[in-house]
């Protein structure tokens, strides 16, 4: 398999969430990545939204790059049949390897881990440590409370208005396609 032109890091839940639309959009993101010839970079789990995006991307022919720390291998059911499968010692290493092997970030619905990953790359972007585009897949308004919080942080003087410029929120994978394609070209 030849190396893809671009790699998209997907942060998302290791659970499926309360709405079927979350899994449907995770699958749609997997199809988008494959259709565009991009490589999926993700947390190497085979559960929740992580499993949905990876299985779909694989089934559609995408190259897959998964990174999982040893302590989560059983909990997240490490998906060994990926194009590249990396096991790290710590979460910090996992996040670093994922980020260093990606050109763009897409954050699907998820919990504390997804928020941790999002805030880390957002902070790094704010500090001008990278210029990767960051997209929030705002399925059924899932990320609206987060966007409201970020606006509050700006209004209260703890961040410059430019903080919001580092994030592009889109409602679904169909709306993600064009801006992600443009950002990676």
Protein backbone atom coordinates (compact mmCIF):
# COMPACT_ATOMS: atom_id res chain seq x y z
CA UNK A 1 0.00 0.00 0.00
CA UNK A 2 1.46 3.39 -0.95
CA UNK A 3 1.70 6.13 1.65
CA UNK A 4 -1.32 8.45 1.53
CA UNK A 5 -0.97 12.13 0.73
CA UNK A 6 -2.41 13.20 4.09
CA UNK A 7 -3.24 11.73 7.48
CA UNK A 8 -6.31 12.64 9.50
CA UNK A 9 -6.21 12.13 13.26
CA UNK A 10 -9.63 11.31 14.66
CA UNK A 11 -10.31 11.75 18.35
CA UNK A 12 -13.56 10.15 19.49
CA UNK A 13 -15.27 8.12 22.16
CA UNK A 14 -14.38 4.59 23.16
CA UNK A 15 -18.11 4.31 23.81
CA UNK A 16 -20.89 4.61 21.26
CA UNK A 17 -22.85 7.32 23.07
CA UNK A 18 -26.60 7.69 23.48
CA UNK A 19 -27.56 8.41 19.86
CA UNK A 20 -27.31 6.18 16.80
CA UNK A 21 -26.27 9.26 14.81
CA UNK A 22 -22.89 9.30 16.56
CA UNK A 23 -21.96 5.87 15.18
CA UNK A 24 -23.45 6.74 11.78
CA UNK A 25 -21.28 9.84 11.53
CA UNK A 26 -18.19 7.95 12.74
CA UNK A 27 -18.78 5.52 9.88
CA UNK A 28 -19.28 8.42 7.47
CA UNK A 29 -15.95 9.92 8.58
CA UNK A 30 -14.27 6.55 7.97
CA UNK A 31 -15.77 6.44 4.46
CA UNK A 32 -14.68 10.04 3.78
CA UNK A 33 -11.11 9.31 4.81
CA UNK A 34 -10.99 6.25 2.56
CA UNK A 35 -12.68 7.95 -0.39
CA UNK A 36 -10.19 10.82 -0.29
CA UNK A 37 -7.19 8.49 -0.06
CA UNK A 38 -6.19 9.78 3.36
CA UNK A 39 -4.78 7.71 6.22
CA UNK A 40 -6.74 7.37 9.45
CA UNK A 41 -4.72 8.01 12.60
CA UNK A 42 -6.61 7.14 15.78
CA UNK A 43 -6.43 5.50 19.21
CA UNK A 44 -6.30 1.87 17.93
CA UNK A 45 -9.40 0.73 19.81
CA UNK A 46 -12.05 -1.56 18.35
CA UNK A 47 -14.86 -0.31 20.60
CA UNK A 48 -17.26 2.62 20.54
CA UNK A 49 -16.89 5.32 17.93
CA UNK A 50 -13.20 4.44 17.58
CA UNK A 51 -14.11 1.01 16.31
CA UNK A 52 -16.79 2.38 13.99
CA UNK A 53 -14.51 4.84 12.24
CA UNK A 54 -11.63 2.34 11.96
CA UNK A 55 -13.64 -0.65 10.73
CA UNK A 56 -15.38 1.51 8.13
CA UNK A 57 -12.17 3.15 6.94
CA UNK A 58 -10.54 -0.28 6.65
CA UNK A 59 -13.50 -1.81 4.81
CA UNK A 60 -13.36 1.06 2.32
CA UNK A 61 -9.62 0.57 1.72
CA UNK A 62 -8.02 3.31 3.83
CA UNK A 63 -4.63 2.94 5.43
CA UNK A 64 -5.02 2.88 9.22
CA UNK A 65 -2.52 3.95 11.87
CA UNK A 66 -3.51 3.11 15.44
CA UNK A 67 -1.77 3.99 18.68
CA UNK A 68 -2.70 2.48 22.04
CA UNK A 69 -1.00 2.48 25.45
CA UNK A 70 -0.40 -0.88 27.11
CA UNK A 71 -2.78 -0.16 29.99
CA UNK A 72 -5.74 0.35 27.59
CA UNK A 73 -5.08 -2.61 25.33
CA UNK A 74 -7.75 -4.82 26.92
CA UNK A 75 -10.22 -2.08 27.82
CA UNK A 76 -10.29 -0.57 24.33
CA UNK A 77 -9.79 -3.95 22.59
CA UNK A 78 -6.63 -3.05 20.70
CA UNK A 79 -7.28 -3.49 16.97
CA UNK A 80 -4.23 -5.40 15.74
CA UNK A 81 -5.23 -5.72 12.06
CA UNK A 82 -4.43 -2.10 11.23
CA UNK A 83 -1.91 -1.03 8.57
CA UNK A 84 0.26 0.29 11.41
CA UNK A 85 -0.28 -0.67 15.05
CA UNK A 86 1.79 1.10 17.72
CA UNK A 87 1.76 0.24 21.44
CA UNK A 88 3.06 2.94 23.77
CA UNK A 89 3.86 2.92 27.47
CA UNK A 90 1.83 6.03 28.39
CA UNK A 91 -1.09 8.17 27.30
CA UNK A 92 1.30 11.07 26.74
CA UNK A 93 3.27 9.00 24.26
CA UNK A 94 0.06 7.89 22.56
CA UNK A 95 -1.09 11.46 22.01
CA UNK A 96 2.33 12.56 20.78
CA UNK A 97 2.63 9.71 18.27
CA UNK A 98 -0.90 10.32 16.99
CA UNK A 99 -0.32 14.04 16.59
CA UNK A 100 3.12 13.69 14.99
CA UNK A 101 1.69 11.33 12.37
CA UNK A 102 -1.22 13.54 11.34
CA UNK A 103 -1.91 16.58 9.20
CA UNK A 104 -5.37 17.47 10.50
CA UNK A 105 -7.48 16.78 13.57
CA UNK A 106 -11.16 15.78 13.59
CA UNK A 107 -12.93 15.47 16.94
CA UNK A 108 -16.10 13.38 17.00
CA UNK A 109 -18.35 13.11 20.05
CA UNK A 110 -16.54 11.62 23.01
CA UNK A 111 -15.86 11.94 26.70
CA UNK A 112 -13.04 13.13 28.93
CA UNK A 113 -10.33 11.51 26.80
CA UNK A 114 -11.54 13.23 23.65
CA UNK A 115 -11.76 16.53 25.51
CA UNK A 116 -8.21 16.06 26.80
CA UNK A 117 -6.95 15.42 23.27
CA UNK A 118 -8.90 18.37 21.88
CA UNK A 119 -7.69 20.82 24.50
CA UNK A 120 -4.10 19.70 24.12
CA UNK A 121 -4.02 20.32 20.36
CA UNK A 122 -6.01 23.54 20.76
CA UNK A 123 -3.54 24.79 23.37
CA UNK A 124 -0.58 23.85 21.18
CA UNK A 125 -2.20 25.72 18.29
CA UNK A 126 -2.82 28.77 20.50
CA UNK A 127 0.88 28.70 21.43
CA UNK A 128 1.79 28.48 17.73
CA UNK A 129 3.36 25.02 18.14
CA UNK A 130 1.51 23.68 15.09
CA UNK A 131 -0.80 24.75 12.28
CA UNK A 132 -2.90 21.61 11.87
CA UNK A 133 -6.54 22.39 11.18
CA UNK A 134 -8.88 21.31 13.99
CA UNK A 135 -12.45 20.28 13.20
CA UNK A 136 -15.26 19.51 15.64
CA UNK A 137 -17.89 17.17 14.21
CA UNK A 138 -20.88 18.73 15.98
CA UNK A 139 -23.30 15.83 15.52
CA UNK A 140 -26.78 16.96 16.60
CA UNK A 141 -25.21 19.91 18.44
CA UNK A 142 -23.04 17.69 20.65
CA UNK A 143 -20.22 20.27 20.88
CA UNK A 144 -22.43 23.36 21.36
CA UNK A 145 -21.83 23.51 25.14
CA UNK A 146 -18.07 23.34 24.50
CA UNK A 147 -18.24 26.12 21.91
CA UNK A 148 -20.28 28.21 24.35
CA UNK A 149 -17.64 27.61 27.04
CA UNK A 150 -14.86 28.70 24.67
CA UNK A 151 -16.81 31.87 23.88
CA UNK A 152 -17.17 32.47 27.63
CA UNK A 153 -13.41 32.01 28.13
CA UNK A 154 -12.83 34.64 25.43
CA UNK A 155 -15.47 37.02 26.79
CA UNK A 156 -14.00 36.77 30.29
CA UNK A 157 -10.57 37.72 28.97
CA UNK A 158 -8.74 34.40 29.35
CA UNK A 159 -8.13 33.93 25.63
CA UNK A 160 -7.95 36.10 22.55
CA UNK A 161 -10.84 35.97 20.07
CA UNK A 162 -8.44 34.21 17.69
CA UNK A 163 -8.90 31.05 19.79
CA UNK A 164 -12.17 30.38 17.94
CA UNK A 165 -10.39 30.81 14.59
CA UNK A 166 -8.41 27.64 15.28
CA UNK A 167 -11.57 25.50 15.33
CA UNK A 168 -14.02 24.73 12.56
CA UNK A 169 -17.29 23.18 13.73
CA UNK A 170 -19.32 21.23 11.18
CA UNK A 171 -22.59 19.36 11.72
CA UNK A 172 -21.68 16.11 9.98
CA UNK A 173 -19.21 14.27 7.77
CA UNK A 174 -20.84 15.61 4.59
CA UNK A 175 -20.15 19.17 5.75
CA UNK A 176 -16.63 18.17 6.82
CA UNK A 177 -15.53 16.99 3.38
CA UNK A 178 -14.94 20.30 1.58
CA UNK A 179 -13.20 22.25 4.38
CA UNK A 180 -11.02 19.28 5.33
CA UNK A 181 -10.10 18.70 1.69
CA UNK A 182 -9.22 22.41 1.34
CA UNK A 183 -7.17 22.38 4.54
CA UNK A 184 -5.16 19.37 3.38
CA UNK A 185 -4.53 20.59 -0.16
